[in-house]
Amino acid sequence: MRAIHIVTTRLSSSFIRPVLLDFVSCSPLRQFSTPRRFICAASKVNGGGRSGSIVAPLVVNEEFQNIDVNPPKGTRDFPPEDMRLRNWLFNHFKEVSRLFGYEEVDFPVLETEALFIRKAGEEIRDQLYCFEDRGNRRVALRPELTPSLARLVIQKGKSVSLPLKWFAVGQCWRYERMTRGRRREHYQWNMDIIGVPEVTAEAELISSIMTFFKRIGITASDVGFKVSSRKQSKHQLTAALLPELGQEVENIVCALDKDLQGAATTIATALKDKGQTVDLVLESKPLKWVFKRAARVNARRPVLVGKLVRSVSRFCLQVSNFKSNLMTWSSSI
């Protein structure tokens, strides 16, 4: 058993100085790895002054030497200078949330796996940090906060009154391909309104985000808001892309979802059977890669699909100019 003993002496009413750093062990001294030299300072209590001595570096243990001192891939440390910045940002999250009347909640980082895979898309399933615990229970590190929020609301039932206005700032995990600014360990700021059917809830959330941006110095020249509407997207899809099909737009999604077996040729066939021309069909790829590929072959109507249209929900159709008229469609059938 090992221990670090720090002996202190009070030099004044407001200052305490460590005067002795001593590494002790209840067992014979074993090899201890350290990249630095320990410095011991001893204070002469009666005579004043102090003396210092340098202890020779201890022998490096081979087993200790093999330990990777870096954090796991996709994670990071927060030394004081980074922690100050993180606290500054998180404090703004919380202040803005409370300003708009939201109450803070939190959830377990570890949840049952079923909570996330029940209605999750294939992307989330593939990115779960999941395992079986010693009680033979399937558990997972949360990839997002919303499923935990829904679980808590259901658990509370009628004991809470609507509308609910809750917020959370939580650590999440996704085993995904890392890019700049996107790690496997990340934090989410959630603001949720439950029990308000009107669009005023969305308007309030947008207003809160604008307030947050102003507080941290982000202006309209830096960011913009684009509001999406599935009804509007469906109307544009019917009017601009598939005018001859009218109400049969949903039938195409049904056909894709039924016939898709992971082969891109099936998608092309299903579209062509509906009288649609297809220039390029791609399996699930990052959208940035798809854009470049579509531009390179001058494709006017590329389609991006996943293994299951229902779950991946990235059914992309391009109308005329791919840079400005890319249509994304998420099927809920």
C-alpha atoms as a PDB file:
ATOM      1  CA  MET A   1       0.000   0.000   0.000  1.00  0.00           C
ATOM      2  CA  ARG A   2       1.350   3.397  -0.970  1.00  0.00           C
ATOM      3  CA  ALA A   3       0.612   6.907   0.189  1.00  0.00           C
ATOM      4  CA  ILE A   4       1.719  10.463  -0.452  1.00  0.00           C
ATOM      5  CA  HIS A   5       2.181  12.472   2.753  1.00  0.00           C
ATOM      6  CA  ILE A   6       2.184  16.260   2.568  1.00  0.00           C
ATOM      7  CA  VAL A   7       3.213  18.005   5.778  1.00  0.00           C
ATOM      8  CA  THR A   8       2.274  21.684   6.042  1.00  0.00           C
ATOM      9  CA  THR A   9       3.067  24.461   8.450  1.00  0.00           C
ATOM     10  CA  ARG A  10       1.126  27.680   8.901  1.00  0.00           C
ATOM     11  CA  LEU A  11       3.410  30.632   8.149  1.00  0.00           C
ATOM     12  CA  SER A  12       0.734  33.280   8.556  1.00  0.00           C
ATOM     13  CA  SER A  13      -2.991  33.540   9.077  1.00  0.00           C
ATOM     14  CA  SER A  14      -3.662  33.488   5.336  1.00  0.00           C
ATOM     15  CA  PHE A  15      -0.896  31.381   3.815  1.00  0.00           C
ATOM     16  CA  ILE A  16      -0.036  27.702   4.073  1.00  0.00           C
ATOM     17  CA  ARG A  17       3.167  26.389   2.534  1.00  0.00           C
ATOM     18  CA  PRO A  18       3.908  22.701   1.945  1.00  0.00           C
ATOM     19  CA  VAL A  19       7.290  22.034   3.482  1.00  0.00           C
ATOM     20  CA  LEU A  20       7.778  18.299   3.078  1.00  0.00           C
ATOM     21  CA  LEU A  21       6.804  15.901   0.335  1.00  0.00           C
ATOM     22  CA  ASP A  22       7.528  12.335   1.333  1.00  0.00           C
ATOM     23  CA  PHE A  23       6.754   9.172  -0.619  1.00  0.00           C
ATOM     24  CA  VAL A  24       6.220   6.299   1.808  1.00  0.00           C
ATOM     25  CA  SER A  25       5.272   2.665   1.460  1.00  0.00           C
ATOM     26  CA  CYS A  26       4.177  -0.017   3.870  1.00  0.00           C
ATOM     27  CA  SER A  27       5.984  -2.597   1.747  1.00  0.00           C
ATOM     28  CA  PRO A  28       9.542  -2.587   0.437  1.00  0.00           C
ATOM     29  CA  LEU A  29      10.073   0.150  -2.135  1.00  0.00           C
ATOM     30  CA  ARG A  30       9.228  -1.049  -5.620  1.00  0.00           C
ATOM     31  CA  GLN A  31      10.211   0.433  -8.919  1.00  0.00           C
ATOM     32  CA  PHE A  32       8.169   3.540  -9.724  1.00  0.00           C
ATOM     33  CA  SER A  33       8.028   5.244 -13.099  1.00  0.00           C
ATOM     34  CA  THR A  34       8.310   9.009 -13.260  1.00  0.00           C
ATOM     35  CA  PRO A  35       9.431  11.330 -16.054  1.00  0.00           C
ATOM     36  CA  ARG A  36      10.496  14.025 -13.592  1.00  0.00           C
ATOM     37  CA  ARG A  37      12.769  14.403 -10.596  1.00  0.00           C
ATOM     38  CA  PHE A  38      11.145  14.799  -7.194  1.00  0.00           C
ATOM     39  CA  ILE A  39      12.131  17.915  -5.283  1.00  0.00           C
ATOM     40  CA  CYS A  40      11.914  17.841  -1.490  1.00  0.00           C
ATOM     41  CA  ALA A  41      11.876  21.053   0.533  1.00  0.00           C
ATOM     42  CA  ALA A  42      12.486  20.958   4.294  1.00  0.00           C
ATOM     43  CA  SER A  43      11.757  23.867   6.613  1.00  0.00           C
ATOM     44  CA  LYS A  44      13.722  24.663   9.749  1.00  0.00           C
ATOM     45  CA  VAL A  45      10.918  25.416  12.147  1.00  0.00           C
ATOM     46  CA  ASN A  46      13.081  27.056  14.811  1.00  0.00           C
ATOM     47  CA  GLY A  47      15.988  28.450  12.851  1.00  0.00           C
ATOM     48  CA  GLY A  48      14.139  29.876   9.868  1.00  0.00           C
ATOM     49  CA  GLY A  49      15.258  29.507   6.274  1.00  0.00           C
ATOM     50  CA  ARG A  50      15.032  26.287   4.315  1.00  0.00           C
ATOM     51  CA  SER A  51      17.124  23.850   2.378  1.00  0.00           C
ATOM     52  CA  GLY A  52      16.355  21.894  -0.751  1.00  0.00           C
ATOM     53  CA  SER A  53      17.576  18.590  -2.093  1.00  0.00           C
ATOM     54  CA  ILE A  54      17.074  16.806  -5.388  1.00  0.00           C
ATOM     55  CA  VAL A  55      16.139  13.159  -5.254  1.00  0.00           C
ATOM     56  CA  ALA A  56      17.573  10.977  -8.014  1.00  0.00           C
ATOM     57  CA  PRO A  57      14.997   9.659 -10.521  1.00  0.00           C
ATOM     58  CA  LEU A  58      13.586   6.272  -9.635  1.00  0.00           C
ATOM     59  CA  VAL A  59      13.976   3.263 -11.894  1.00  0.00           C
ATOM     60  CA  VAL A  60      11.272   2.912 -14.558  1.00  0.00           C
ATOM     61  CA  ASN A  61       9.173  -0.188 -14.197  1.00  0.00           C
ATOM     62  CA  GLU A  62       8.720  -1.986 -17.525  1.00  0.00           C
ATOM     63  CA  GLU A  63       5.043  -2.707 -16.858  1.00  0.00           C
ATOM     64  CA  PHE A  64       4.323   0.923 -15.995  1.00  0.00           C
ATOM     65  CA  GLN A  65       6.292   2.062 -19.019  1.00  0.00           C
ATOM     66  CA  ASN A  66       3.800   0.331 -21.340  1.00  0.00           C
ATOM     67  CA  ILE A  67       0.826   2.358 -20.095  1.00  0.00           C
ATOM     68  CA  ASP A  68      -0.400   4.880 -22.677  1.00  0.00           C
ATOM     69  CA  VAL A  69      -0.622   8.264 -20.977  1.00  0.00           C
ATOM     70  CA  ASN A  70      -2.900   9.652 -23.701  1.00  0.00           C
ATOM     71  CA  PRO A  71      -6.698   9.515 -23.281  1.00  0.00           C
ATOM     72  CA  PRO A  72      -8.583   6.933 -25.390  1.00  0.00           C
ATOM     73  CA  LYS A  73      -9.067   7.821 -29.041  1.00  0.00           C
ATOM     74  CA  GLY A  74     -11.921  10.242 -29.517  1.00  0.00           C
ATOM     75  CA  THR A  75     -11.793  11.590 -25.961  1.00  0.00           C
ATOM     76  CA  ARG A  76      -9.806  14.401 -24.378  1.00  0.00           C
ATOM     77  CA  ASP A  77      -8.638  15.845 -21.111  1.00  0.00           C
ATOM     78  CA  PHE A  78      -9.713  19.224 -19.789  1.00  0.00           C
ATOM     79  CA  PRO A  79      -6.743  20.883 -18.092  1.00  0.00           C
ATOM     80  CA  PRO A  80      -7.514  24.093 -16.165  1.00  0.00           C
ATOM     81  CA  GLU A  81      -7.227  26.427 -19.157  1.00  0.00           C
ATOM     82  CA  ASP A  82      -9.662  24.306 -21.190  1.00  0.00           C
ATOM     83  CA  MET A  83     -11.939  23.727 -18.219  1.00  0.00           C
ATOM     84  CA  ARG A  84     -12.312  27.475 -17.732  1.00  0.00           C
ATOM     85  CA  LEU A  85     -13.483  27.837 -21.313  1.00  0.00           C
ATOM     86  CA  ARG A  86     -15.856  24.878 -21.018  1.00  0.00           C
ATOM     87  CA  ASN A  87     -17.373  26.226 -17.818  1.00  0.00           C
ATOM     88  CA  TRP A  88     -17.813  29.632 -19.448  1.00  0.00           C
ATOM     89  CA  LEU A  89     -19.704  28.050 -22.351  1.00  0.00           C
ATOM     90  CA  PHE A  90     -21.796  25.711 -20.203  1.00  0.00           C
ATOM     91  CA  ASN A  91     -22.714  28.565 -17.868  1.00  0.00           C
ATOM     92  CA  HIS A  92     -24.115  30.474 -20.843  1.00  0.00           C
ATOM     93  CA  PHE A  93     -26.110  27.371 -21.815  1.00  0.00           C
ATOM     94  CA  LYS A  94     -27.644  27.225 -18.359  1.00  0.00           C
ATOM     95  CA  GLU A  95     -28.223  30.963 -17.952  1.00  0.00           C
ATOM     96  CA  VAL A  96     -30.074  31.237 -21.262  1.00  0.00           C
ATOM     97  CA  SER A  97     -32.156  28.157 -20.467  1.00  0.00           C
ATOM     98  CA  ARG A  98     -33.207  29.537 -17.094  1.00  0.00           C
ATOM     99  CA  LEU A  99     -33.880  32.943 -18.635  1.00  0.00           C
ATOM    100  CA  PHE A 100     -36.567  31.313 -20.784  1.00  0.00           C
ATOM    101  CA  GLY A 101     -38.043  29.390 -17.872  1.00  0.00           C
ATOM    102  CA  TYR A 102     -36.477  25.949 -18.351  1.00  0.00           C
ATOM    103  CA  GLU A 103     -35.605  23.682 -15.432  1.00  0.00           C
ATOM    104  CA  GLU A 104     -32.426  21.615 -15.409  1.00  0.00           C
ATOM    105  CA  VAL A 105     -32.525  17.817 -15.451  1.00  0.00           C
ATOM    106  CA  ASP A 106     -29.909  15.113 -15.847  1.00  0.00           C
ATOM    107  CA  PHE A 107     -29.898  11.422 -16.734  1.00  0.00           C
ATOM    108  CA  PRO A 108     -27.591   8.426 -16.279  1.00  0.00           C
ATOM    109  CA  VAL A 109     -24.691   8.231 -18.704  1.00  0.00           C
ATOM    110  CA  LEU A 110     -25.290   4.463 -18.734  1.00  0.00           C
ATOM    111  CA  GLU A 111     -28.719   3.301 -19.915  1.00  0.00           C
ATOM    112  CA  THR A 112     -30.243   0.034 -21.096  1.00  0.00           C
ATOM    113  CA  GLU A 113     -29.338  -0.710 -24.697  1.00  0.00           C
ATOM    114  CA  ALA A 114     -32.986  -1.245 -25.651  1.00  0.00           C
ATOM    115  CA  LEU A 115     -33.757   2.402 -24.899  1.00  0.00           C
ATOM    116  CA  PHE A 116     -31.585   3.523 -27.815  1.00  0.00           C
ATOM    117  CA  ILE A 117     -32.117   0.769 -30.381  1.00  0.00           C
ATOM    118  CA  ARG A 118     -35.901   0.433 -30.180  1.00  0.00           C
ATOM    119  CA  LYS A 119     -36.608   3.192 -32.669  1.00  0.00           C
ATOM    120  CA  ALA A 120     -33.110   4.337 -33.538  1.00  0.00           C
ATOM    121  CA  GLY A 121     -31.789   4.481 -37.068  1.00  0.00           C
ATOM    122  CA  GLU A 122     -29.093   2.172 -38.295  1.00  0.00           C
ATOM    123  CA  GLU A 123     -26.515   4.944 -37.910  1.00  0.00           C
ATOM    124  CA  ILE A 124     -27.142   5.214 -34.163  1.00  0.00           C
ATOM    125  CA  ARG A 125     -27.136   1.432 -33.740  1.00  0.00           C
ATOM    126  CA  ASP A 126     -23.739   1.154 -35.410  1.00  0.00           C
ATOM    127  CA  GLN A 127     -22.295   3.933 -33.247  1.00  0.00           C
ATOM    128  CA  LEU A 128     -23.408   2.679 -29.832  1.00  0.00           C
ATOM    129  CA  TYR A 129     -20.868   2.016 -27.125  1.00  0.00           C
ATOM    130  CA  CYS A 130     -22.672  -1.056 -25.761  1.00  0.00           C
ATOM    131  CA  PHE A 131     -21.727  -4.107 -23.736  1.00  0.00           C
ATOM    132  CA  GLU A 132     -23.072  -6.740 -21.357  1.00  0.00           C
ATOM    133  CA  ASP A 133     -22.563  -6.072 -17.663  1.00  0.00           C
ATOM    134  CA  ARG A 134     -21.832  -8.679 -14.991  1.00  0.00           C
ATOM    135  CA  GLY A 135     -25.545  -9.214 -14.482  1.00  0.00           C
ATOM    136  CA  ASN A 136     -25.946 -10.232 -18.142  1.00  0.00           C
ATOM    137  CA  ARG A 137     -27.796  -6.987 -18.912  1.00  0.00           C
ATOM    138  CA  ARG A 138     -27.244  -5.159 -22.174  1.00  0.00           C
ATOM    139  CA  VAL A 139     -26.299  -1.549 -21.441  1.00  0.00           C
ATOM    140  CA  ALA A 140     -24.951   1.350 -23.490  1.00  0.00           C
ATOM    141  CA  LEU A 141     -23.354   4.745 -23.040  1.00  0.00           C
ATOM    142  CA  ARG A 142     -25.901   7.306 -24.145  1.00  0.00           C
ATOM    143  CA  PRO A 143     -25.377   8.587 -27.713  1.00  0.00           C
ATOM    144  CA  GLU A 144     -27.894  11.411 -27.159  1.00  0.00           C
ATOM    145  CA  LEU A 145     -30.160  12.824 -24.465  1.00  0.00           C
ATOM    146  CA  THR A 146     -33.634  12.667 -26.015  1.00  0.00           C
ATOM    147  CA  PRO A 147     -34.395   8.946 -25.347  1.00  0.00           C
ATOM    148  CA  SER A 148     -33.492   9.423 -21.680  1.00  0.00           C
ATOM    149  CA  LEU A 149     -35.744  12.477 -21.568  1.00  0.00           C
ATOM    150  CA  ALA A 150     -38.649  10.482 -23.009  1.00  0.00           C
ATOM    151  CA  ARG A 151     -38.040   7.680 -20.506  1.00  0.00           C
ATOM    152  CA  LEU A 152     -38.133  10.103 -17.580  1.00  0.00           C
ATOM    153  CA  VAL A 153     -41.328  11.769 -18.810  1.00  0.00           C
ATOM    154  CA  ILE A 154     -43.027   8.372 -19.155  1.00  0.00           C
ATOM    155  CA  GLN A 155     -41.755   7.347 -15.731  1.00  0.00           C
ATOM    156  CA  LYS A 156     -43.194  10.484 -14.123  1.00  0.00           C
ATOM    157  CA  GLY A 157     -46.504  10.041 -15.895  1.00  0.00           C
ATOM    158  CA  LYS A 158     -49.290  12.214 -14.558  1.00  0.00           C
ATOM    159  CA  SER A 159     -47.208  13.388 -11.612  1.00  0.00           C
ATOM    160  CA  VAL A 160     -45.851  16.207 -13.784  1.00  0.00           C
ATOM    161  CA  SER A 161     -48.012  18.879 -15.338  1.00  0.00           C
ATOM    162  CA  LEU A 162     -47.733  19.987 -18.936  1.00  0.00           C
ATOM    163  CA  PRO A 163     -46.235  21.861 -20.579  1.00  0.00           C
ATOM    164  CA  LEU A 164     -42.790  20.709 -19.488  1.00  0.00           C
ATOM    165  CA  LYS A 165     -39.797  22.935 -20.114  1.00  0.00           C
ATOM    166  CA  TRP A 166     -36.593  21.080 -19.301  1.00  0.00           C
ATOM    167  CA  PHE A 167     -32.983  21.492 -20.306  1.00  0.00           C
ATOM    168  CA  ALA A 168     -29.861  19.385 -19.902  1.00  0.00           C
ATOM    169  CA  VAL A 169     -26.153  19.647 -20.673  1.00  0.00           C
ATOM    170  CA  GLY A 170     -24.780  16.147 -20.874  1.00  0.00           C
ATOM    171  CA  GLN A 171     -21.872  14.042 -22.002  1.00  0.00           C
ATOM    172  CA  CYS A 172     -22.646  11.650 -24.862  1.00  0.00           C
ATOM    173  CA  TRP A 173     -20.744   8.946 -26.731  1.00  0.00           C
ATOM    174  CA  ARG A 174     -20.806   7.792 -30.341  1.00  0.00           C
ATOM    175  CA  TYR A 175     -18.344   5.407 -31.917  1.00  0.00           C
ATOM    176  CA  GLU A 176     -18.074   7.197 -35.249  1.00  0.00           C
ATOM    177  CA  ARG A 177     -15.434   8.320 -37.680  1.00  0.00           C
ATOM    178  CA  MET A 178     -13.723  11.307 -36.148  1.00  0.00           C
ATOM    179  CA  THR A 179     -13.355  14.574 -38.015  1.00  0.00           C
ATOM    180  CA  ARG A 180     -12.116  17.977 -37.018  1.00  0.00           C
ATOM    181  CA  GLY A 181     -14.220  19.259 -34.147  1.00  0.00           C
ATOM    182  CA  ARG A 182     -16.203  16.008 -33.950  1.00  0.00           C
ATOM    183  CA  ARG A 183     -15.086  13.474 -31.371  1.00  0.00           C
ATOM    184  CA  ARG A 184     -16.547  10.252 -30.059  1.00  0.00           C
ATOM    185  CA  GLU A 185     -17.038  11.866 -26.682  1.00  0.00           C
ATOM    186  CA  HIS A 186     -19.096  15.035 -26.974  1.00  0.00           C
ATOM    187  CA  TYR A 187     -21.528  17.226 -25.055  1.00  0.00           C
ATOM    188  CA  GLN A 188     -25.082  18.165 -25.932  1.00  0.00           C
ATOM    189  CA  TRP A 189     -27.194  21.080 -24.813  1.00  0.00           C
ATOM    190  CA  ASN A 190     -30.866  20.103 -24.974  1.00  0.00           C
ATOM    191  CA  MET A 191     -33.840  22.408 -24.491  1.00  0.00           C
ATOM    192  CA  ASP A 192     -37.146  20.546 -24.671  1.00  0.00           C
ATOM    193  CA  ILE A 193     -40.754  21.701 -24.580  1.00  0.00           C
ATOM    194  CA  ILE A 194     -43.348  18.964 -24.103  1.00  0.00           C
ATOM    195  CA  GLY A 195     -47.092  19.476 -24.327  1.00  0.00           C
ATOM    196  CA  VAL A 196     -47.284  22.552 -26.583  1.00  0.00           C
ATOM    197  CA  PRO A 197     -48.851  21.687 -29.968  1.00  0.00           C
ATOM    198  CA  GLU A 198     -48.547  25.183 -31.418  1.00  0.00           C
ATOM    199  CA  VAL A 199     -45.595  26.454 -33.400  1.00  0.00           C
ATOM    200  CA  THR A 200     -44.896  28.911 -30.584  1.00  0.00           C
ATOM    201  CA  ALA A 201     -42.690  26.253 -28.984  1.00  0.00           C
ATOM    202  CA  GLU A 202     -40.388  26.200 -32.003  1.00  0.00           C
ATOM    203  CA  ALA A 203     -40.379  30.000 -32.108  1.00  0.00           C
ATOM    204  CA  GLU A 204     -39.338  30.147 -28.452  1.00  0.00           C
ATOM    205  CA  LEU A 205     -36.485  27.695 -29.022  1.00  0.00           C
ATOM    206  CA  ILE A 206     -35.188  29.706 -31.966  1.00  0.00           C
ATOM    207  CA  SER A 207     -35.401  32.866 -29.875  1.00  0.00           C
ATOM    208  CA  SER A 208     -33.411  31.235 -27.086  1.00  0.00           C
ATOM    209  CA  ILE A 209     -30.672  30.182 -29.497  1.00  0.00           C
ATOM    210  CA  MET A 210     -30.497  33.725 -30.876  1.00  0.00           C
ATOM    211  CA  THR A 211     -30.145  35.028 -27.320  1.00  0.00           C
ATOM    212  CA  PHE A 212     -27.318  32.587 -26.679  1.00  0.00           C
ATOM    213  CA  PHE A 213     -25.477  33.630 -29.844  1.00  0.00           C
ATOM    214  CA  LYS A 214     -25.709  37.291 -28.895  1.00  0.00           C
ATOM    215  CA  ARG A 215     -24.331  36.575 -25.435  1.00  0.00           C
ATOM    216  CA  ILE A 216     -21.201  34.897 -26.761  1.00  0.00           C
ATOM    217  CA  GLY A 217     -20.641  37.407 -29.575  1.00  0.00           C
ATOM    218  CA  ILE A 218     -21.973  35.523 -32.620  1.00  0.00           C
ATOM    219  CA  THR A 219     -23.865  37.834 -34.993  1.00  0.00           C
ATOM    220  CA  ALA A 220     -26.144  37.493 -38.020  1.00  0.00           C
ATOM    221  CA  SER A 221     -23.100  37.785 -40.261  1.00  0.00           C
ATOM    222  CA  ASP A 222     -21.737  34.579 -38.713  1.00  0.00           C
ATOM    223  CA  VAL A 223     -24.797  32.311 -38.677  1.00  0.00           C
ATOM    224  CA  GLY A 224     -28.272  32.061 -40.159  1.00  0.00           C
ATOM    225  CA  PHE A 225     -31.439  30.096 -39.478  1.00  0.00           C
ATOM    226  CA  LYS A 226     -33.184  27.809 -41.950  1.00  0.00           C
ATOM    227  CA  VAL A 227     -36.500  26.390 -40.817  1.00  0.00           C
ATOM    228  CA  SER A 228     -37.509  23.063 -42.351  1.00  0.00           C
ATOM    229  CA  SER A 229     -41.025  21.731 -42.749  1.00  0.00           C
ATOM    230  CA  ARG A 230     -41.850  18.238 -43.911  1.00  0.00           C
ATOM    231  CA  LYS A 231     -45.194  19.385 -45.284  1.00  0.00           C
ATOM    232  CA  GLN A 232     -43.482  22.112 -47.266  1.00  0.00           C
ATOM    233  CA  SER A 233     -40.783  19.725 -48.479  1.00  0.00           C
ATOM    234  CA  LYS A 234     -43.406  17.256 -49.634  1.00  0.00           C
ATOM    235  CA  HIS A 235     -45.229  20.027 -51.474  1.00  0.00           C
ATOM    236  CA  GLN A 236     -42.028  21.123 -53.228  1.00  0.00           C
ATOM    237  CA  LEU A 237     -41.143  17.529 -54.044  1.00  0.00           C
ATOM    238  CA  THR A 238     -44.540  16.954 -55.615  1.00  0.00           C
ATOM    239  CA  ALA A 239     -44.620  20.252 -57.499  1.00  0.00           C
ATOM    240  CA  ALA A 240     -41.034  20.480 -58.724  1.00  0.00           C
ATOM    241  CA  LEU A 241     -39.750  16.943 -58.945  1.00  0.00           C
ATOM    242  CA  LEU A 242     -42.668  14.538 -59.393  1.00  0.00           C
ATOM    243  CA  PRO A 243     -45.604  16.536 -60.816  1.00  0.00           C
ATOM    244  CA  GLU A 244     -46.872  13.541 -62.781  1.00  0.00           C
ATOM    245  CA  LEU A 245     -47.170  11.395 -59.665  1.00  0.00           C
ATOM    246  CA  GLY A 246     -49.120  13.746 -57.423  1.00  0.00           C
ATOM    247  CA  GLN A 247     -50.371  11.738 -54.448  1.00  0.00           C
ATOM    248  CA  GLU A 248     -48.202   8.756 -55.398  1.00  0.00           C
ATOM    249  CA  VAL A 249     -45.114  10.307 -53.858  1.00  0.00           C
ATOM    250  CA  GLU A 250     -45.568   8.218 -50.717  1.00  0.00           C
ATOM    251  CA  ASN A 251     -45.895   5.088 -52.841  1.00  0.00           C
ATOM    252  CA  ILE A 252     -42.332   5.540 -54.096  1.00  0.00           C
ATOM    253  CA  VAL A 253     -41.050   5.493 -50.544  1.00  0.00           C
ATOM    254  CA  CYS A 254     -43.081   2.360 -49.887  1.00  0.00           C
ATOM    255  CA  ALA A 255     -41.615   0.720 -52.980  1.00  0.00           C
ATOM    256  CA  LEU A 256     -38.068   1.621 -51.979  1.00  0.00           C
ATOM    257  CA  ASP A 257     -38.556   0.446 -48.443  1.00  0.00           C
ATOM    258  CA  LYS A 258     -40.073  -2.838 -49.581  1.00  0.00           C
ATOM    259  CA  ASP A 259     -37.696  -3.654 -52.403  1.00  0.00           C
ATOM    260  CA  LEU A 260     -34.442  -2.389 -50.972  1.00  0.00           C
ATOM    261  CA  GLN A 261     -32.106  -5.228 -50.095  1.00  0.00           C
ATOM    262  CA  GLY A 262     -28.873  -3.278 -49.880  1.00  0.00           C
ATOM    263  CA  ALA A 263     -28.262  -3.140 -53.643  1.00  0.00           C
ATOM    264  CA  ALA A 264     -28.197   0.234 -55.396  1.00  0.00           C
ATOM    265  CA  THR A 265     -29.591  -1.355 -58.561  1.00  0.00           C
ATOM    266  CA  THR A 266     -32.830  -2.069 -56.717  1.00  0.00           C
ATOM    267  CA  ILE A 267     -33.252   1.624 -56.037  1.00  0.00           C
ATOM    268  CA  ALA A 268     -32.653   2.549 -59.646  1.00  0.00           C
ATOM    269  CA  THR A 269     -35.136  -0.079 -60.797  1.00  0.00           C
ATOM    270  CA  ALA A 270     -37.809   1.074 -58.368  1.00  0.00           C
ATOM    271  CA  LEU A 271     -37.482   4.680 -59.521  1.00  0.00           C
ATOM    272  CA  LYS A 272     -37.416   3.813 -63.189  1.00  0.00           C
ATOM    273  CA  ASP A 273     -40.526   1.684 -62.760  1.00  0.00           C
ATOM    274  CA  LYS A 274     -42.205   4.870 -61.569  1.00  0.00           C
ATOM    275  CA  GLY A 275     -41.058   6.710 -64.672  1.00  0.00           C
ATOM    276  CA  GLN A 276     -38.174   8.558 -63.044  1.00  0.00           C
ATOM    277  CA  THR A 277     -34.753   9.052 -64.588  1.00  0.00           C
ATOM    278  CA  VAL A 278     -31.776   8.343 -62.361  1.00  0.00           C
ATOM    279  CA  ASP A 279     -28.288   9.578 -63.188  1.00  0.00           C
ATOM    280  CA  LEU A 280     -26.453   8.345 -60.114  1.00  0.00           C
ATOM    281  CA  VAL A 281     -27.304   5.988 -57.262  1.00  0.00           C
ATOM    282  CA  LEU A 282     -25.053   5.879 -54.214  1.00  0.00           C
ATOM    283  CA  GLU A 283     -24.997   3.772 -51.087  1.00  0.00           C
ATOM    284  CA  SER A 284     -24.687   5.490 -47.704  1.00  0.00           C
ATOM    285  CA  LYS A 285     -21.804   7.943 -47.887  1.00  0.00           C
ATOM    286  CA  PRO A 286     -20.975  11.231 -46.167  1.00  0.00           C
ATOM    287  CA  LEU A 287     -22.964  13.991 -47.866  1.00  0.00           C
ATOM    288  CA  LYS A 288     -19.813  15.983 -48.600  1.00  0.00           C
ATOM    289  CA  TRP A 289     -18.474  13.060 -50.626  1.00  0.00           C
ATOM    290  CA  VAL A 290     -21.823  12.693 -52.430  1.00  0.00           C
ATOM    291  CA  PHE A 291     -21.837  16.357 -53.449  1.00  0.00           C
ATOM    292  CA  LYS A 292     -18.365  16.096 -54.945  1.00  0.00           C
ATOM    293  CA  ARG A 293     -19.213  12.887 -56.772  1.00  0.00           C
ATOM    294  CA  ALA A 294     -22.461  14.315 -58.159  1.00  0.00           C
ATOM    295  CA  ALA A 295     -20.694  17.431 -59.406  1.00  0.00           C
ATOM    296  CA  ARG A 296     -17.929  15.391 -61.016  1.00  0.00           C
ATOM    297  CA  VAL A 297     -20.332  13.323 -63.124  1.00  0.00           C
ATOM    298  CA  ASN A 298     -22.694  16.276 -63.664  1.00  0.00           C
ATOM    299  CA  ALA A 299     -25.599  14.279 -62.254  1.00  0.00           C
ATOM    300  CA  ARG A 300     -28.921  16.081 -62.162  1.00  0.00           C
ATOM    301  CA  ARG A 301     -30.814  13.445 -60.196  1.00  0.00           C
ATOM    302  CA  PRO A 302     -28.591  11.486 -57.838  1.00  0.00           C
ATOM    303  CA  VAL A 303     -30.171   9.348 -55.145  1.00  0.00           C
ATOM    304  CA  LEU A 304     -28.473   8.613 -51.817  1.00  0.00           C
ATOM    305  CA  VAL A 305     -29.788   5.600 -49.932  1.00  0.00           C
ATOM    306  CA  GLY A 306     -28.927   3.518 -46.916  1.00  0.00           C
ATOM    307  CA  LYS A 307     -29.548  -0.117 -46.107  1.00  0.00           C
ATOM    308  CA  LEU A 308     -33.023   0.778 -44.868  1.00  0.00           C
ATOM    309  CA  VAL A 309     -34.781   3.896 -46.108  1.00  0.00           C
ATOM    310  CA  ARG A 310     -37.012   3.808 -43.048  1.00  0.00           C
ATOM    311  CA  SER A 311     -34.172   3.954 -40.559  1.00  0.00           C
ATOM    312  CA  VAL A 312     -31.368   5.779 -42.351  1.00  0.00           C
ATOM    313  CA  SER A 313     -33.834   8.390 -43.607  1.00  0.00           C
ATOM    314  CA  ARG A 314     -31.489   9.972 -46.099  1.00  0.00           C
ATOM    315  CA  PHE A 315     -33.408   9.660 -49.343  1.00  0.00           C
ATOM    316  CA  CYS A 316     -31.888  12.469 -51.399  1.00  0.00           C
ATOM    317  CA  LEU A 317     -33.227  13.530 -54.783  1.00  0.00           C
ATOM    318  CA  GLN A 318     -31.689  16.320 -56.821  1.00  0.00           C
ATOM    319  CA  VAL A 319     -33.842  18.381 -59.121  1.00  0.00           C
ATOM    320  CA  SER A 320     -31.762  20.658 -61.320  1.00  0.00           C
ATOM    321  CA  ASN A 321     -28.703  22.317 -59.838  1.00  0.00           C
ATOM    322  CA  PHE A 322     -27.283  20.111 -57.116  1.00  0.00           C
ATOM    323  CA  LYS A 323     -25.681  23.019 -55.262  1.00  0.00           C
ATOM    324  CA  SER A 324     -28.972  24.751 -54.575  1.00  0.00           C
ATOM    325  CA  ASN A 325     -31.773  22.232 -55.076  1.00  0.00           C
ATOM    326  CA  LEU A 326     -30.779  19.141 -53.142  1.00  0.00           C
ATOM    327  CA  MET A 327     -33.864  17.573 -51.605  1.00  0.00           C
ATOM    328  CA  THR A 328     -33.581  15.474 -48.444  1.00  0.00           C
ATOM    329  CA  TRP A 329     -36.501  13.278 -47.525  1.00  0.00           C
ATOM    330  CA  SER A 330     -36.969  11.410 -44.283  1.00  0.00           C
ATOM    331  CA  SER A 331     -39.468   8.560 -44.446  1.00  0.00           C
ATOM    332  CA  SER A 332     -41.506   7.669 -41.373  1.00  0.00           C
ATOM    333  CA  ILE A 333     -43.503   4.865 -42.959  1.00  0.00           C
END
